[in-house]
Amino acid sequence: MSLNPLKTLKDSGCPPHIIEHSKAVSIKALNMASNFNKSIGSPIDLELVKTGGLLHDIGRSRTNTIKHAFVGAEILRSLNYPIEIINITLKHTGAGIPEEEVEILGLPPGDYMPFTIEEKMVAHADNLINGTKEVELEFVIKKWKKMFGNNHPSVSRLKKLHNEVCI
């Protein structure tokens, strides 16, 4: 990829703590993808995972709301990043946001569910990084239950995503 993701983050005005978080997510996503490749033998585009991990939170240069993924996708679109990177950014929030929740959350209509293995790797790596520190799934489940309630559908989506990508 000829575009420089770290320069893009800095030029967009991302604060240093977001850049450090993004580096940690990128490393975690690469480790997960490497383990997945070894276990399953399924080819994953590691460069895509690395770049997607670095750029997933670029929208936080403009907002720290749920809309940061959409804003980030728009930033990357304006910079002519490949659609694969734009989609990783758009679909990285939590374990994805299904259509029926998009409107409730005040997001523009669209597909916010990770579909490709690279999208899923970055989304879940982001779940497993708190700031710059790696956390266990149980930590994330407890945090989400506290934020959203014990029976919120995002908790079951999180567990399902974890089972898909963590081998």
Protein backbone atom coordinates (compact mmCIF):
# COMPACT_ATOMS: atom_id res chain seq x y z
CA MET A 1 0.00 0.00 0.00
CA SER A 2 1.60 3.26 -1.05
CA LEU A 3 -0.30 5.48 1.42
CA ASN A 4 1.35 5.98 4.82
CA PRO A 5 -1.18 5.21 7.58
CA LEU A 6 0.80 6.73 10.46
CA LYS A 7 1.29 9.95 8.53
CA THR A 8 -2.42 9.90 7.67
CA LEU A 9 -3.30 9.59 11.38
CA LYS A 10 -1.00 12.47 12.32
CA ASP A 11 -2.09 14.68 9.42
CA SER A 12 -5.75 14.10 10.29
CA GLY A 13 -5.18 15.41 13.80
CA CYS A 14 -5.47 12.18 15.77
CA PRO A 15 -4.23 12.70 19.32
CA PRO A 16 -1.15 10.71 20.39
CA HIS A 17 -3.14 8.37 22.66
CA ILE A 18 -5.36 7.36 19.71
CA ILE A 19 -2.30 6.71 17.55
CA GLU A 20 -0.77 4.55 20.30
CA HIS A 21 -4.06 2.67 20.73
CA SER A 22 -4.22 2.14 16.96
CA LYS A 23 -0.68 0.74 16.90
CA ALA A 24 -1.62 -1.70 19.68
CA VAL A 25 -4.77 -2.77 17.81
CA SER A 26 -2.76 -3.29 14.62
CA ILE A 27 -0.24 -5.51 16.44
CA LYS A 28 -3.00 -7.51 18.15
CA ALA A 29 -4.88 -7.94 14.87
CA LEU A 30 -1.70 -9.12 13.12
CA ASN A 31 -1.02 -11.65 15.89
CA MET A 32 -4.58 -12.94 15.71
CA ALA A 33 -4.41 -13.18 11.91
CA SER A 34 -1.09 -15.03 12.04
CA ASN A 35 -2.49 -17.54 14.54
CA PHE A 36 -5.59 -17.96 12.41
CA ASN A 37 -3.49 -18.55 9.29
CA LYS A 38 -1.40 -21.20 11.07
CA SER A 39 -4.43 -23.00 12.53
CA ILE A 40 -6.85 -22.81 9.63
CA GLY A 41 -4.50 -22.32 6.70
CA SER A 42 -6.85 -19.68 5.37
CA PRO A 43 -5.07 -16.82 3.62
CA ILE A 44 -5.52 -13.47 5.36
CA ASP A 45 -4.19 -10.27 3.85
CA LEU A 46 -1.79 -9.28 6.63
CA GLU A 47 -0.96 -5.91 5.08
CA LEU A 48 -4.67 -5.11 4.99
CA VAL A 49 -5.03 -6.15 8.65
CA LYS A 50 -2.02 -4.06 9.66
CA THR A 51 -3.18 -0.93 7.81
CA GLY A 52 -6.81 -1.39 8.86
CA GLY A 53 -5.74 -1.73 12.48
CA LEU A 54 -3.72 1.46 12.26
CA LEU A 55 -6.51 3.47 10.64
CA HIS A 56 -9.61 2.04 12.36
CA ASP A 57 -10.01 5.01 14.76
CA ILE A 58 -9.04 7.87 12.43
CA GLY A 59 -12.55 9.27 12.88
CA ARG A 60 -11.67 10.01 16.50
CA SER A 61 -9.73 12.96 15.11
CA ARG A 62 -13.18 14.58 14.66
CA THR A 63 -15.52 12.86 17.16
CA ASN A 64 -15.46 10.42 20.05
CA THR A 65 -19.05 9.35 19.54
CA ILE A 66 -20.41 6.15 17.99
CA LYS A 67 -20.23 8.04 14.69
CA HIS A 68 -16.40 7.96 14.68
CA ALA A 69 -16.37 4.87 12.44
CA PHE A 70 -18.57 6.51 9.82
CA VAL A 71 -16.56 9.76 10.03
CA GLY A 72 -13.32 7.78 9.73
CA ALA A 73 -14.58 5.98 6.63
CA GLU A 74 -15.45 9.35 5.09
CA ILE A 75 -11.96 10.71 5.88
CA LEU A 76 -10.32 7.68 4.26
CA ARG A 77 -12.64 7.89 1.26
CA SER A 78 -11.60 11.54 0.75
CA LEU A 79 -7.94 10.46 0.87
CA ASN A 80 -8.52 7.74 -1.75
CA TYR A 81 -7.76 4.80 0.51
CA PRO A 82 -8.86 1.41 -0.85
CA ILE A 83 -12.44 0.35 -0.15
CA GLU A 84 -11.15 -2.58 1.95
CA ILE A 85 -9.54 -0.14 4.43
CA ILE A 86 -12.61 2.11 4.38
CA ASN A 87 -14.81 -0.90 5.20
CA ILE A 88 -12.57 -2.04 8.06
CA THR A 89 -12.88 1.43 9.56
CA LEU A 90 -16.64 1.61 9.01
CA LYS A 91 -17.34 -1.84 10.46
CA HIS A 92 -14.93 -2.01 13.40
CA THR A 93 -17.23 -0.80 16.19
CA GLY A 94 -17.82 -3.49 18.81
CA ALA A 95 -18.74 -6.72 17.10
CA GLY A 96 -20.52 -4.82 14.35
CA ILE A 97 -23.79 -2.94 14.35
CA PRO A 98 -26.72 -4.67 12.63
CA GLU A 99 -29.15 -2.71 10.49
CA GLU A 100 -31.90 -2.68 13.13
CA GLU A 101 -29.57 -0.91 15.61
CA VAL A 102 -28.06 1.58 13.15
CA GLU A 103 -31.05 3.94 13.18
CA ILE A 104 -31.48 3.66 16.97
CA LEU A 105 -27.87 4.79 17.38
CA GLY A 106 -28.37 7.75 15.04
CA LEU A 107 -25.96 6.47 12.41
CA PRO A 108 -26.44 7.04 8.69
CA PRO A 109 -28.04 4.01 7.01
CA GLY A 110 -25.50 1.43 5.92
CA ASP A 111 -23.79 -1.87 6.54
CA TYR A 112 -21.83 -1.76 9.81
CA MET A 113 -21.30 -5.51 10.27
CA PRO A 114 -17.81 -6.92 9.66
CA PHE A 115 -17.98 -9.48 6.87
CA THR A 116 -14.45 -10.27 5.65
CA ILE A 117 -11.98 -12.03 7.90
CA GLU A 118 -9.79 -8.91 7.86
CA GLU A 119 -12.72 -6.73 9.01
CA LYS A 120 -13.47 -9.22 11.77
CA MET A 121 -9.84 -9.41 12.91
CA VAL A 122 -9.52 -5.65 13.31
CA ALA A 123 -12.93 -5.26 14.97
CA HIS A 124 -12.15 -7.92 17.55
CA ALA A 125 -8.57 -6.82 18.11
CA ASP A 126 -10.02 -3.41 18.96
CA ASN A 127 -12.31 -5.11 21.50
CA LEU A 128 -9.34 -6.82 23.12
CA ILE A 129 -7.23 -3.66 23.47
CA ASN A 130 -8.13 -1.26 26.28
CA GLY A 131 -6.09 1.88 25.67
CA THR A 132 -2.81 0.22 24.74
CA LYS A 133 -3.15 -2.84 26.97
CA GLU A 134 -4.37 -6.25 25.89
CA VAL A 135 -7.37 -7.54 27.86
CA GLU A 136 -9.19 -10.85 28.06
CA LEU A 137 -12.63 -11.50 26.59
CA GLU A 138 -14.11 -11.73 30.10
CA PHE A 139 -13.02 -8.13 30.79
CA VAL A 140 -14.80 -6.94 27.64
CA ILE A 141 -17.97 -8.92 28.41
CA LYS A 142 -18.12 -7.47 31.92
CA LYS A 143 -17.57 -3.94 30.56
CA TRP A 144 -20.26 -4.32 27.88
CA LYS A 145 -22.79 -5.81 30.29
CA LYS A 146 -22.22 -2.84 32.61
CA MET A 147 -22.62 -0.35 29.72
CA PHE A 148 -25.45 -1.99 27.77
CA GLY A 149 -27.11 -4.47 30.14
CA ASN A 150 -26.74 -8.21 30.66
CA ASN A 151 -28.99 -9.22 27.78
CA HIS A 152 -27.92 -6.70 25.14
CA PRO A 153 -27.47 -8.44 21.76
CA SER A 154 -23.98 -6.95 21.36
CA VAL A 155 -22.72 -9.31 24.08
CA SER A 156 -23.74 -12.42 22.13
CA ARG A 157 -22.30 -10.86 18.93
CA LEU A 158 -19.02 -10.29 20.79
CA LYS A 159 -18.83 -13.94 21.89
CA LYS A 160 -19.68 -15.15 18.39
CA LEU A 161 -16.99 -12.92 16.83
CA HIS A 162 -14.45 -14.12 19.39
CA ASN A 163 -15.20 -17.75 18.50
CA GLU A 164 -14.84 -17.01 14.80
CA VAL A 165 -11.45 -15.30 14.91
CA CYS A 166 -9.63 -16.51 18.03
CA ILE A 167 -8.26 -19.96 17.36
